């Protein structure tokens, strides 16, 4: 890991060729190698959370397809123009289904079949 003081790389962030990663920590830019996530094992709770998020994202994308759908959702959620509608739709879906099991959410999702 190297700390960069070069003016050209000072505001760099992201990755280069899946080899290097530029990270910002407060006023410092750090260069490190790309982490190896291939041996990562997710817990059952993490897998369930990922699946809930995937379903919420699909829901938000479906609602986001038409301009009319966006306007109706923004009015229904009473969302100001400067707030992210996509994030609000994801949050709405997650909040609406947080008391249900993942199987119940998926069953309801397949019944509605938004995509």
PDB file of N, CA and C in Angstrom:
ATOM      1  N   UNK A   1       0.842  -1.163   0.000  1.00  0.00           N
ATOM      2  CA  UNK A   1       0.000   0.000   0.000  1.00  0.00           C
ATOM      3  C   UNK A   1       0.892   1.233   0.000  1.00  0.00           C
ATOM      4  N   UNK A   2       0.606   2.175  -0.886  1.00  0.00           N
ATOM      5  CA  UNK A   2       1.418   3.382  -0.998  1.00  0.00           C
ATOM      6  C   UNK A   2       0.538   4.615  -0.869  1.00  0.00           C
ATOM      7  N   UNK A   3       1.042   5.617  -0.197  1.00  0.00           N
ATOM      8  CA  UNK A   3       0.341   6.898  -0.084  1.00  0.00           C
ATOM      9  C   UNK A   3       0.888   7.805  -1.178  1.00  0.00           C
ATOM     10  N   UNK A   4      -0.020   8.449  -1.916  1.00  0.00           N
ATOM     11  CA  UNK A   4       0.352   9.243  -3.089  1.00  0.00           C
ATOM     12  C   UNK A   4       0.363  10.720  -2.731  1.00  0.00           C
ATOM     13  N   UNK A   5       1.441  11.410  -3.080  1.00  0.00           N
ATOM     14  CA  UNK A   5       1.517  12.856  -2.898  1.00  0.00           C
ATOM     15  C   UNK A   5       1.574  13.577  -4.245  1.00  0.00           C
ATOM     16  N   UNK A   6       1.449  12.850  -5.335  1.00  0.00           N
ATOM     17  CA  UNK A   6       1.496  13.401  -6.682  1.00  0.00           C
ATOM     18  C   UNK A   6       0.206  14.170  -6.953  1.00  0.00           C
ATOM     19  N   UNK A   7       0.309  15.378  -7.462  1.00  0.00           N
ATOM     20  CA  UNK A   7      -0.870  16.201  -7.741  1.00  0.00           C
ATOM     21  C   UNK A   7      -1.803  15.565  -8.767  1.00  0.00           C
ATOM     22  N   UNK A   8      -1.258  14.830  -9.734  1.00  0.00           N
ATOM     23  CA  UNK A   8      -2.087  14.223 -10.778  1.00  0.00           C
ATOM     24  C   UNK A   8      -2.920  13.064 -10.237  1.00  0.00           C
ATOM     25  N   UNK A   9      -2.415  12.358  -9.266  1.00  0.00           N
ATOM     26  CA  UNK A   9      -3.121  11.197  -8.717  1.00  0.00           C
ATOM     27  C   UNK A   9      -3.836  11.498  -7.404  1.00  0.00           C
ATOM     28  N   UNK A  10      -3.749  12.722  -6.944  1.00  0.00           N
ATOM     29  CA  UNK A  10      -4.290  13.081  -5.640  1.00  0.00           C
ATOM     30  C   UNK A  10      -5.798  12.846  -5.534  1.00  0.00           C
ATOM     31  N   UNK A  11      -6.551  13.080  -6.589  1.00  0.00           N
ATOM     32  CA  UNK A  11      -7.997  12.912  -6.546  1.00  0.00           C
ATOM     33  C   UNK A  11      -8.461  11.641  -7.258  1.00  0.00           C
ATOM     34  N   UNK A  12      -7.544  10.748  -7.540  1.00  0.00           N
ATOM     35  CA  UNK A  12      -7.896   9.508  -8.231  1.00  0.00           C
ATOM     36  C   UNK A  12      -8.648   8.574  -7.290  1.00  0.00           C
ATOM     37  N   UNK A  13      -9.617   7.864  -7.841  1.00  0.00           N
ATOM     38  CA  UNK A  13     -10.305   6.812  -7.092  1.00  0.00           C
ATOM     39  C   UNK A  13     -10.802   5.784  -8.100  1.00  0.00           C
ATOM     40  N   UNK A  14     -10.927   4.536  -7.648  1.00  0.00           N
ATOM     41  CA  UNK A  14     -11.362   3.475  -8.544  1.00  0.00           C
ATOM     42  C   UNK A  14     -10.258   2.468  -8.762  1.00  0.00           C
ATOM     43  N   UNK A  15     -10.396   1.696  -9.835  1.00  0.00           N
ATOM     44  CA  UNK A  15      -9.412   0.646 -10.090  1.00  0.00           C
ATOM     45  C   UNK A  15      -8.819   0.794 -11.485  1.00  0.00           C
ATOM     46  N   UNK A  16      -7.655   0.191 -11.657  1.00  0.00           N
ATOM     47  CA  UNK A  16      -6.955   0.197 -12.945  1.00  0.00           C
ATOM     48  C   UNK A  16      -6.673  -1.248 -13.320  1.00  0.00           C
ATOM     49  N   UNK A  17      -7.314  -1.718 -14.378  1.00  0.00           N
ATOM     50  CA  UNK A  17      -7.041  -3.038 -14.925  1.00  0.00           C
ATOM     51  C   UNK A  17      -7.189  -4.194 -13.958  1.00  0.00           C
ATOM     52  N   UNK A  18      -8.035  -4.081 -12.984  1.00  0.00           N
ATOM     53  CA  UNK A  18      -8.237  -5.131 -11.974  1.00  0.00           C
ATOM     54  C   UNK A  18      -6.931  -5.531 -11.297  1.00  0.00           C
ATOM     55  N   UNK A  19      -6.018  -4.582 -11.236  1.00  0.00           N
ATOM     56  CA  UNK A  19      -4.725  -4.812 -10.586  1.00  0.00           C
ATOM     57  C   UNK A  19      -4.518  -3.867  -9.410  1.00  0.00           C
ATOM     58  N   UNK A  20      -4.797  -2.581  -9.634  1.00  0.00           N
ATOM     59  CA  UNK A  20      -4.580  -1.554  -8.613  1.00  0.00           C
ATOM     60  C   UNK A  20      -5.890  -0.901  -8.221  1.00  0.00           C
ATOM     61  N   UNK A  21      -5.962  -0.461  -6.959  1.00  0.00           N
ATOM     62  CA  UNK A  21      -7.130   0.247  -6.462  1.00  0.00           C
ATOM     63  C   UNK A  21      -6.669   1.562  -5.851  1.00  0.00           C
ATOM     64  N   UNK A  22      -7.294   2.663  -6.247  1.00  0.00           N
ATOM     65  CA  UNK A  22      -7.037   3.975  -5.671  1.00  0.00           C
ATOM     66  C   UNK A  22      -8.154   4.261  -4.670  1.00  0.00           C
ATOM     67  N   UNK A  23      -7.777   4.566  -3.416  1.00  0.00           N
ATOM     68  CA  UNK A  23      -8.759   4.835  -2.366  1.00  0.00           C
ATOM     69  C   UNK A  23      -8.464   6.194  -1.753  1.00  0.00           C
ATOM     70  N   UNK A  24      -9.517   6.895  -1.354  1.00  0.00           N
ATOM     71  CA  UNK A  24      -9.377   8.182  -0.679  1.00  0.00           C
ATOM     72  C   UNK A  24      -9.682   7.997   0.797  1.00  0.00           C
ATOM     73  N   UNK A  25      -8.742   8.398   1.641  1.00  0.00           N
ATOM     74  CA  UNK A  25      -8.942   8.434   3.085  1.00  0.00           C
ATOM     75  C   UNK A  25      -8.683   9.867   3.530  1.00  0.00           C
ATOM     76  N   UNK A  26      -9.764  10.598   3.792  1.00  0.00           N
ATOM     77  CA  UNK A  26      -9.687  11.998   4.178  1.00  0.00           C
ATOM     78  C   UNK A  26      -8.870  12.781   3.158  1.00  0.00           C
ATOM     79  N   UNK A  27      -7.663  13.209   3.503  1.00  0.00           N
ATOM     80  CA  UNK A  27      -6.884  14.022   2.571  1.00  0.00           C
ATOM     81  C   UNK A  27      -5.798  13.221   1.857  1.00  0.00           C
ATOM     82  N   UNK A  28      -5.789  11.893   2.024  1.00  0.00           N
ATOM     83  CA  UNK A  28      -4.754  11.063   1.428  1.00  0.00           C
ATOM     84  C   UNK A  28      -5.339  10.135   0.365  1.00  0.00           C
ATOM     85  N   UNK A  29      -4.565   9.877  -0.672  1.00  0.00           N
ATOM     86  CA  UNK A  29      -4.907   8.881  -1.680  1.00  0.00           C
ATOM     87  C   UNK A  29      -3.971   7.702  -1.490  1.00  0.00           C
ATOM     88  N   UNK A  30      -4.562   6.498  -1.398  1.00  0.00           N
ATOM     89  CA  UNK A  30      -3.792   5.289  -1.144  1.00  0.00           C
ATOM     90  C   UNK A  30      -3.946   4.360  -2.341  1.00  0.00           C
ATOM     91  N   UNK A  31      -2.845   3.754  -2.766  1.00  0.00           N
ATOM     92  CA  UNK A  31      -2.865   2.774  -3.847  1.00  0.00           C
ATOM     93  C   UNK A  31      -2.591   1.406  -3.234  1.00  0.00           C
ATOM     94  N   UNK A  32      -3.449   0.438  -3.558  1.00  0.00           N
ATOM     95  CA  UNK A  32      -3.249  -0.926  -3.057  1.00  0.00           C
ATOM     96  C   UNK A  32      -3.611  -1.915  -4.156  1.00  0.00           C
ATOM     97  N   UNK A  33      -3.281  -3.180  -3.938  1.00  0.00           N
ATOM     98  CA  UNK A  33      -3.640  -4.192  -4.932  1.00  0.00           C
ATOM     99  C   UNK A  33      -5.126  -4.525  -4.795  1.00  0.00           C
ATOM    100  N   UNK A  34      -5.700  -5.021  -5.865  1.00  0.00           N
ATOM    101  CA  UNK A  34      -7.112  -5.394  -5.872  1.00  0.00           C
ATOM    102  C   UNK A  34      -7.318  -6.565  -4.902  1.00  0.00           C
ATOM    103  N   UNK A  35      -8.316  -6.460  -3.999  1.00  0.00           N
ATOM    104  CA  UNK A  35      -8.532  -7.559  -3.058  1.00  0.00           C
ATOM    105  C   UNK A  35      -9.059  -8.812  -3.757  1.00  0.00           C
ATOM    106  N   UNK A  36      -8.649  -9.975  -3.268  1.00  0.00           N
ATOM    107  CA  UNK A  36      -9.100 -11.254  -3.812  1.00  0.00           C
ATOM    108  C   UNK A  36     -10.326 -11.704  -3.028  1.00  0.00           C
ATOM    109  N   UNK A  37     -11.498 -11.621  -3.647  1.00  0.00           N
ATOM    110  CA  UNK A  37     -12.755 -11.956  -2.969  1.00  0.00           C
ATOM    111  C   UNK A  37     -13.254 -13.338  -3.376  1.00  0.00           C
ATOM    112  N   UNK A  38     -12.422 -14.130  -4.052  1.00  0.00           N
ATOM    113  CA  UNK A  38     -12.871 -15.415  -4.588  1.00  0.00           C
ATOM    114  C   UNK A  38     -13.153 -16.443  -3.494  1.00  0.00           C
ATOM    115  N   UNK A  39     -12.492 -16.344  -2.355  1.00  0.00           N
ATOM    116  CA  UNK A  39     -12.684 -17.333  -1.291  1.00  0.00           C
ATOM    117  C   UNK A  39     -13.645 -16.848  -0.220  1.00  0.00           C
ATOM    118  N   UNK A  40     -14.346 -15.778  -0.493  1.00  0.00           N
ATOM    119  CA  UNK A  40     -15.288 -15.206   0.453  1.00  0.00           C
ATOM    120  C   UNK A  40     -16.491 -16.128   0.589  1.00  0.00           C
ATOM    121  N   UNK A  41     -16.915 -16.388   1.815  1.00  0.00           N
ATOM    122  CA  UNK A  41     -18.090 -17.215   2.068  1.00  0.00           C
ATOM    123  C   UNK A  41     -19.110 -16.344   2.791  1.00  0.00           C
ATOM    124  N   UNK A  42     -20.270 -16.174   2.167  1.00  0.00           N
ATOM    125  CA  UNK A  42     -21.320 -15.358   2.757  1.00  0.00           C
ATOM    126  C   UNK A  42     -22.172 -16.195   3.698  1.00  0.00           C
ATOM    127  N   UNK A  43     -22.623 -15.568   4.773  1.00  0.00           N
ATOM    128  CA  UNK A  43     -23.508 -16.256   5.708  1.00  0.00           C
ATOM    129  C   UNK A  43     -24.917 -16.333   5.099  1.00  0.00           C
ATOM    130  N   UNK A  44     -25.761 -17.130   5.714  1.00  0.00           N
ATOM    131  CA  UNK A  44     -27.148 -17.268   5.251  1.00  0.00           C
ATOM    132  C   UNK A  44     -27.868 -15.920   5.307  1.00  0.00           C
ATOM    133  N   UNK A  45     -27.617 -15.156   6.349  1.00  0.00           N
ATOM    134  CA  UNK A  45     -28.257 -13.846   6.509  1.00  0.00           C
ATOM    135  C   UNK A  45     -27.788 -12.872   5.416  1.00  0.00           C
ATOM    136  N   UNK A  46     -26.494 -12.921   5.058  1.00  0.00           N
ATOM    137  CA  UNK A  46     -25.980 -12.064   3.990  1.00  0.00           C
ATOM    138  C   UNK A  46     -26.590 -12.435   2.642  1.00  0.00           C
ATOM    139  N   UNK A  47     -26.728 -13.731   2.387  1.00  0.00           N
ATOM    140  CA  UNK A  47     -27.344 -14.180   1.138  1.00  0.00           C
ATOM    141  C   UNK A  47     -28.793 -13.717   1.052  1.00  0.00           C
ATOM    142  N   UNK A  48     -29.519 -13.815   2.175  1.00  0.00           N
ATOM    143  CA  UNK A  48     -30.913 -13.367   2.197  1.00  0.00           C
ATOM    144  C   UNK A  48     -30.995 -11.861   1.971  1.00  0.00           C
ATOM    145  N   UNK A  49     -30.108 -11.112   2.602  1.00  0.00           N
ATOM    146  CA  UNK A  49     -30.089  -9.660   2.432  1.00  0.00           C
ATOM    147  C   UNK A  49     -29.795  -9.284   0.981  1.00  0.00           C
ATOM    148  N   UNK A  50     -28.844  -9.979   0.360  1.00  0.00           N
ATOM    149  CA  UNK A  50     -28.517  -9.726  -1.045  1.00  0.00           C
ATOM    150  C   UNK A  50     -29.723 -10.000  -1.951  1.00  0.00           C
ATOM    151  N   UNK A  51     -30.445 -11.076  -1.670  1.00  0.00           N
ATOM    152  CA  UNK A  51     -31.616 -11.427  -2.486  1.00  0.00           C
ATOM    153  C   UNK A  51     -32.732 -10.398  -2.307  1.00  0.00           C
ATOM    154  N   UNK A  52     -32.950  -9.938  -1.067  1.00  0.00           N
ATOM    155  CA  UNK A  52     -33.960  -8.900  -0.830  1.00  0.00           C
ATOM    156  C   UNK A  52     -33.601  -7.619  -1.594  1.00  0.00           C
ATOM    157  N   UNK A  53     -32.321  -7.268  -1.579  1.00  0.00           N
ATOM    158  CA  UNK A  53     -31.872  -6.067  -2.285  1.00  0.00           C
ATOM    159  C   UNK A  53     -32.036  -6.233  -3.790  1.00  0.00           C
ATOM    160  N   UNK A  54     -31.761  -7.432  -4.302  1.00  0.00           N
ATOM    161  CA  UNK A  54     -31.934  -7.698  -5.739  1.00  0.00           C
ATOM    162  C   UNK A  54     -33.394  -7.513  -6.146  1.00  0.00           C
ATOM    163  N   UNK A  55     -34.309  -8.046  -5.341  1.00  0.00           N
ATOM    164  CA  UNK A  55     -35.734  -7.911  -5.644  1.00  0.00           C
ATOM    165  C   UNK A  55     -36.181  -6.452  -5.550  1.00  0.00           C
ATOM    166  N   UNK A  56     -35.675  -5.725  -4.563  1.00  0.00           N
ATOM    167  CA  UNK A  56     -36.031  -4.313  -4.419  1.00  0.00           C
ATOM    168  C   UNK A  56     -35.519  -3.493  -5.599  1.00  0.00           C
ATOM    169  N   UNK A  57     -34.350  -3.828  -6.099  1.00  0.00           N
ATOM    170  CA  UNK A  57     -33.788  -3.122  -7.248  1.00  0.00           C
ATOM    171  C   UNK A  57     -34.597  -3.405  -8.510  1.00  0.00           C
ATOM    172  N   UNK A  58     -35.020  -4.646  -8.682  1.00  0.00           N
ATOM    173  CA  UNK A  58     -35.869  -4.985  -9.831  1.00  0.00           C
ATOM    174  C   UNK A  58     -37.174  -4.201  -9.766  1.00  0.00           C
ATOM    175  N   UNK A  59     -37.766  -4.122  -8.570  1.00  0.00           N
ATOM    176  CA  UNK A  59     -39.005  -3.355  -8.375  1.00  0.00           C
ATOM    177  C   UNK A  59     -38.789  -1.885  -8.752  1.00  0.00           C
ATOM    178  N   UNK A  60     -37.695  -1.298  -8.255  1.00  0.00           N
ATOM    179  CA  UNK A  60     -37.431   0.121  -8.533  1.00  0.00           C
ATOM    180  C   UNK A  60     -37.208   0.350 -10.024  1.00  0.00           C
ATOM    181  N   UNK A  61     -36.477  -0.543 -10.686  1.00  0.00           N
ATOM    182  CA  UNK A  61     -36.250  -0.411 -12.128  1.00  0.00           C
ATOM    183  C   UNK A  61     -37.564  -0.500 -12.899  1.00  0.00           C
ATOM    184  N   UNK A  62     -38.465  -1.389 -12.452  1.00  0.00           N
ATOM    185  CA  UNK A  62     -39.755  -1.527 -13.119  1.00  0.00           C
ATOM    186  C   UNK A  62     -40.567  -0.241 -12.981  1.00  0.00           C
ATOM    187  N   UNK A  63     -40.579   0.341 -11.773  1.00  0.00           N
ATOM    188  CA  UNK A  63     -41.336   1.570 -11.537  1.00  0.00           C
ATOM    189  C   UNK A  63     -40.692   2.750 -12.280  1.00  0.00           C
ATOM    190  N   UNK A  64     -39.420   2.650 -12.553  1.00  0.00           N
ATOM    191  CA  UNK A  64     -38.653   3.722 -13.170  1.00  0.00           C
ATOM    192  C   UNK A  64     -38.744   3.712 -14.686  1.00  0.00           C
ATOM    193  N   UNK A  65     -39.355   2.689 -15.279  1.00  0.00           N
ATOM    194  CA  UNK A  65     -39.350   2.534 -16.741  1.00  0.00           C
ATOM    195  C   UNK A  65     -40.023   3.680 -17.482  1.00  0.00           C
ATOM    196  N   UNK A  66     -41.175   4.111 -17.017  1.00  0.00           N
ATOM    197  CA  UNK A  66     -41.916   5.140 -17.737  1.00  0.00           C
ATOM    198  C   UNK A  66     -41.893   6.454 -16.963  1.00  0.00           C
ATOM    199  N   UNK A  67     -42.014   7.523 -17.697  1.00  0.00           N
ATOM    200  CA  UNK A  67     -42.045   8.855 -17.077  1.00  0.00           C
ATOM    201  C   UNK A  67     -43.287   8.997 -16.197  1.00  0.00           C
ATOM    202  N   UNK A  68     -44.400   8.420 -16.648  1.00  0.00           N
ATOM    203  CA  UNK A  68     -45.643   8.472 -15.876  1.00  0.00           C
ATOM    204  C   UNK A  68     -45.482   7.729 -14.546  1.00  0.00           C
ATOM    205  N   UNK A  69     -44.809   6.577 -14.590  1.00  0.00           N
ATOM    206  CA  UNK A  69     -44.565   5.811 -13.370  1.00  0.00           C
ATOM    207  C   UNK A  69     -43.690   6.576 -12.394  1.00  0.00           C
ATOM    208  N   UNK A  70     -42.700   7.290 -12.900  1.00  0.00           N
ATOM    209  CA  UNK A  70     -41.826   8.087 -12.045  1.00  0.00           C
ATOM    210  C   UNK A  70     -42.610   9.194 -11.348  1.00  0.00           C
ATOM    211  N   UNK A  71     -43.458   9.880 -12.122  1.00  0.00           N
ATOM    212  CA  UNK A  71     -44.231  10.992 -11.561  1.00  0.00           C
ATOM    213  C   UNK A  71     -45.195  10.487 -10.493  1.00  0.00           C
ATOM    214  N   UNK A  72     -45.900   9.380 -10.797  1.00  0.00           N
ATOM    215  CA  UNK A  72     -46.836   8.815  -9.821  1.00  0.00           C
ATOM    216  C   UNK A  72     -46.118   8.381  -8.543  1.00  0.00           C
ATOM    217  N   UNK A  73     -44.965   7.756  -8.686  1.00  0.00           N
ATOM    218  CA  UNK A  73     -44.208   7.298  -7.520  1.00  0.00           C
ATOM    219  C   UNK A  73     -43.707   8.481  -6.700  1.00  0.00           C
ATOM    220  N   UNK A  74     -43.244   9.529  -7.364  1.00  0.00           N
ATOM    221  CA  UNK A  74     -42.745  10.707  -6.643  1.00  0.00           C
ATOM    222  C   UNK A  74     -43.874  11.371  -5.850  1.00  0.00           C
ATOM    223  N   UNK A  75     -45.071  11.431  -6.435  1.00  0.00           N
ATOM    224  CA  UNK A  75     -46.226  12.014  -5.744  1.00  0.00           C
ATOM    225  C   UNK A  75     -46.653  11.110  -4.588  1.00  0.00           C
ATOM    226  N   UNK A  76     -46.721   9.805  -4.833  1.00  0.00           N
ATOM    227  CA  UNK A  76     -47.141   8.855  -3.795  1.00  0.00           C
ATOM    228  C   UNK A  76     -46.200   8.876  -2.598  1.00  0.00           C
ATOM    229  N   UNK A  77     -44.906   9.001  -2.870  1.00  0.00           N
ATOM    230  CA  UNK A  77     -43.912   9.006  -1.794  1.00  0.00           C
ATOM    231  C   UNK A  77     -43.680  10.407  -1.213  1.00  0.00           C
ATOM    232  N   UNK A  78     -44.320  11.423  -1.807  1.00  0.00           N
ATOM    233  CA  UNK A  78     -44.154  12.817  -1.381  1.00  0.00           C
ATOM    234  C   UNK A  78     -42.673  13.183  -1.338  1.00  0.00           C
ATOM    235  N   UNK A  79     -42.000  12.885  -2.433  1.00  0.00           N
ATOM    236  CA  UNK A  79     -40.553  13.052  -2.525  1.00  0.00           C
ATOM    237  C   UNK A  79     -40.211  14.369  -3.210  1.00  0.00           C
ATOM    238  N   UNK A  80     -39.381  15.214  -2.593  1.00  0.00           N
ATOM    239  CA  UNK A  80     -38.976  16.457  -3.257  1.00  0.00           C
ATOM    240  C   UNK A  80     -38.118  16.172  -4.493  1.00  0.00           C
ATOM    241  N   UNK A  81     -38.023  17.145  -5.359  1.00  0.00           N
ATOM    242  CA  UNK A  81     -37.332  16.964  -6.637  1.00  0.00           C
ATOM    243  C   UNK A  81     -35.844  16.674  -6.466  1.00  0.00           C
ATOM    244  N   UNK A  82     -35.223  17.136  -5.396  1.00  0.00           N
ATOM    245  CA  UNK A  82     -33.780  16.950  -5.228  1.00  0.00           C
ATOM    246  C   UNK A  82     -33.415  15.599  -4.606  1.00  0.00           C
ATOM    247  N   UNK A  83     -34.399  14.803  -4.200  1.00  0.00           N
ATOM    248  CA  UNK A  83     -34.130  13.484  -3.606  1.00  0.00           C
ATOM    249  C   UNK A  83     -34.176  12.406  -4.680  1.00  0.00           C
ATOM    250  N   UNK A  84     -33.418  11.336  -4.485  1.00  0.00           N
ATOM    251  CA  UNK A  84     -33.338  10.248  -5.453  1.00  0.00           C
ATOM    252  C   UNK A  84     -34.589   9.372  -5.391  1.00  0.00           C
ATOM    253  N   UNK A  85     -35.321   9.328  -6.492  1.00  0.00           N
ATOM    254  CA  UNK A  85     -36.522   8.506  -6.561  1.00  0.00           C
ATOM    255  C   UNK A  85     -36.161   7.027  -6.534  1.00  0.00           C
ATOM    256  N   UNK A  86     -35.093   6.650  -7.231  1.00  0.00           N
ATOM    257  CA  UNK A  86     -34.694   5.240  -7.280  1.00  0.00           C
ATOM    258  C   UNK A  86     -34.397   4.718  -5.874  1.00  0.00           C
ATOM    259  N   UNK A  87     -33.633   5.475  -5.097  1.00  0.00           N
ATOM    260  CA  UNK A  87     -33.306   5.053  -3.733  1.00  0.00           C
ATOM    261  C   UNK A  87     -34.558   4.985  -2.868  1.00  0.00           C
ATOM    262  N   UNK A  88     -35.475   5.924  -3.064  1.00  0.00           N
ATOM    263  CA  UNK A  88     -36.721   5.922  -2.292  1.00  0.00           C
ATOM    264  C   UNK A  88     -37.570   4.700  -2.637  1.00  0.00           C
ATOM    265  N   UNK A  89     -37.589   4.294  -3.899  1.00  0.00           N
ATOM    266  CA  UNK A  89     -38.345   3.105  -4.299  1.00  0.00           C
ATOM    267  C   UNK A  89     -37.735   1.834  -3.720  1.00  0.00           C
ATOM    268  N   UNK A  90     -36.406   1.751  -3.710  1.00  0.00           N
ATOM    269  CA  UNK A  90     -35.737   0.589  -3.110  1.00  0.00           C
ATOM    270  C   UNK A  90     -36.065   0.532  -1.623  1.00  0.00           C
ATOM    271  N   UNK A  91     -35.969   1.670  -0.944  1.00  0.00           N
ATOM    272  CA  UNK A  91     -36.273   1.725   0.494  1.00  0.00           C
ATOM    273  C   UNK A  91     -37.723   1.352   0.762  1.00  0.00           C
ATOM    274  N   UNK A  92     -38.629   1.837  -0.069  1.00  0.00           N
ATOM    275  CA  UNK A  92     -40.047   1.517   0.101  1.00  0.00           C
ATOM    276  C   UNK A  92     -40.272   0.004   0.024  1.00  0.00           C
ATOM    277  N   UNK A  93     -39.665  -0.636  -0.961  1.00  0.00           N
ATOM    278  CA  UNK A  93     -39.836  -2.080  -1.130  1.00  0.00           C
ATOM    279  C   UNK A  93     -39.248  -2.836   0.052  1.00  0.00           C
ATOM    280  N   UNK A  94     -38.045  -2.448   0.482  1.00  0.00           N
ATOM    281  CA  UNK A  94     -37.420  -3.119   1.620  1.00  0.00           C
ATOM    282  C   UNK A  94     -38.235  -2.934   2.898  1.00  0.00           C
ATOM    283  N   UNK A  95     -38.734  -1.710   3.135  1.00  0.00           N
ATOM    284  CA  UNK A  95     -39.526  -1.446   4.338  1.00  0.00           C
ATOM    285  C   UNK A  95     -40.865  -2.176   4.304  1.00  0.00           C
ATOM    286  N   UNK A  96     -41.468  -2.232   3.126  1.00  0.00           N
ATOM    287  CA  UNK A  96     -42.784  -2.858   3.001  1.00  0.00           C
ATOM    288  C   UNK A  96     -42.720  -4.369   3.259  1.00  0.00           C
ATOM    289  N   UNK A  97     -41.587  -4.995   2.948  1.00  0.00           N
ATOM    290  CA  UNK A  97     -41.480  -6.445   3.041  1.00  0.00           C
ATOM    291  C   UNK A  97     -40.535  -6.929   4.138  1.00  0.00           C
ATOM    292  N   UNK A  98     -40.139  -6.043   5.061  1.00  0.00           N
ATOM    293  CA  UNK A  98     -39.158  -6.453   6.061  1.00  0.00           C
ATOM    294  C   UNK A  98     -39.714  -7.458   7.061  1.00  0.00           C
ATOM    295  N   UNK A  99     -41.027  -7.487   7.289  1.00  0.00           N
ATOM    296  CA  UNK A  99     -41.614  -8.424   8.242  1.00  0.00           C
ATOM    297  C   UNK A  99     -41.920  -9.787   7.610  1.00  0.00           C
ATOM    298  N   UNK A 100     -41.792  -9.903   6.293  1.00  0.00           N
ATOM    299  CA  UNK A 100     -42.062 -11.152   5.589  1.00  0.00           C
ATOM    300  C   UNK A 100     -40.793 -11.979   5.436  1.00  0.00           C
ATOM    301  N   UNK A 101     -40.968 -13.280   5.318  1.00  0.00           N
ATOM    302  CA  UNK A 101     -39.824 -14.131   5.015  1.00  0.00           C
ATOM    303  C   UNK A 101     -39.463 -13.949   3.543  1.00  0.00           C
ATOM    304  N   UNK A 102     -38.269 -14.366   3.190  1.00  0.00           N
ATOM    305  CA  UNK A 102     -37.817 -14.223   1.810  1.00  0.00           C
ATOM    306  C   UNK A 102     -38.704 -15.023   0.856  1.00  0.00           C
ATOM    307  N   UNK A 103     -39.164 -16.190   1.282  1.00  0.00           N
ATOM    308  CA  UNK A 103     -40.048 -17.012   0.444  1.00  0.00           C
ATOM    309  C   UNK A 103     -41.363 -16.279   0.165  1.00  0.00           C
ATOM    310  N   UNK A 104     -41.913 -15.592   1.190  1.00  0.00           N
ATOM    311  CA  UNK A 104     -43.164 -14.843   0.997  1.00  0.00           C
ATOM    312  C   UNK A 104     -42.953 -13.660   0.056  1.00  0.00           C
ATOM    313  N   UNK A 105     -41.814 -13.011   0.189  1.00  0.00           N
ATOM    314  CA  UNK A 105     -41.508 -11.879  -0.695  1.00  0.00           C
ATOM    315  C   UNK A 105     -41.383 -12.362  -2.134  1.00  0.00           C
ATOM    316  N   UNK A 106     -40.647 -13.470  -2.339  1.00  0.00           N
ATOM    317  CA  UNK A 106     -40.461 -14.002  -3.693  1.00  0.00           C
ATOM    318  C   UNK A 106     -41.781 -14.471  -4.295  1.00  0.00           C
ATOM    319  N   UNK A 107     -42.634 -15.097  -3.475  1.00  0.00           N
ATOM    320  CA  UNK A 107     -43.941 -15.563  -3.962  1.00  0.00           C
ATOM    321  C   UNK A 107     -44.781 -14.363  -4.420  1.00  0.00           C
ATOM    322  N   UNK A 108     -44.835 -13.329  -3.593  1.00  0.00           N
ATOM    323  CA  UNK A 108     -45.569 -12.125  -3.965  1.00  0.00           C
ATOM    324  C   UNK A 108     -44.963 -11.449  -5.166  1.00  0.00           C
ATOM    325  N   UNK A 109     -43.653 -11.508  -5.286  1.00  0.00           N
ATOM    326  CA  UNK A 109     -42.952 -10.903  -6.402  1.00  0.00           C
ATOM    327  C   UNK A 109     -43.285 -11.618  -7.704  1.00  0.00           C
ATOM    328  N   UNK A 110     -43.327 -12.936  -7.646  1.00  0.00           N
ATOM    329  CA  UNK A 110     -43.640 -13.720  -8.857  1.00  0.00           C
ATOM    330  C   UNK A 110     -45.119 -13.547  -9.236  1.00  0.00           C
ATOM    331  N   UNK A 111     -46.000 -13.345  -8.234  1.00  0.00           N
ATOM    332  CA  UNK A 111     -47.409 -13.125  -8.534  1.00  0.00           C
ATOM    333  C   UNK A 111     -47.613 -11.799  -9.252  1.00  0.00           C
ATOM    334  N   UNK A 112     -46.868 -10.765  -8.801  1.00  0.00           N
ATOM    335  CA  UNK A 112     -46.975  -9.438  -9.433  1.00  0.00           C
ATOM    336  C   UNK A 112     -46.258  -9.410 -10.771  1.00  0.00           C
ATOM    337  N   UNK A 113     -45.127 -10.145 -10.863  1.00  0.00           N
ATOM    338  CA  UNK A 113     -44.313 -10.264 -12.070  1.00  0.00           C
ATOM    339  C   UNK A 113     -44.084  -8.933 -12.774  1.00  0.00           C
ATOM    340  N   UNK A 114     -43.284  -8.018 -12.138  1.00  0.00           N
ATOM    341  CA  UNK A 114     -43.077  -6.700 -12.731  1.00  0.00           C
ATOM    342  C   UNK A 114     -42.215  -6.707 -13.986  1.00  0.00           C
ATOM    343  N   UNK A 115     -41.376  -7.722 -14.214  1.00  0.00           N
ATOM    344  CA  UNK A 115     -40.511  -7.647 -15.398  1.00  0.00           C
ATOM    345  C   UNK A 115     -40.813  -8.702 -16.411  1.00  0.00           C
TER     346      UNK A 115
END
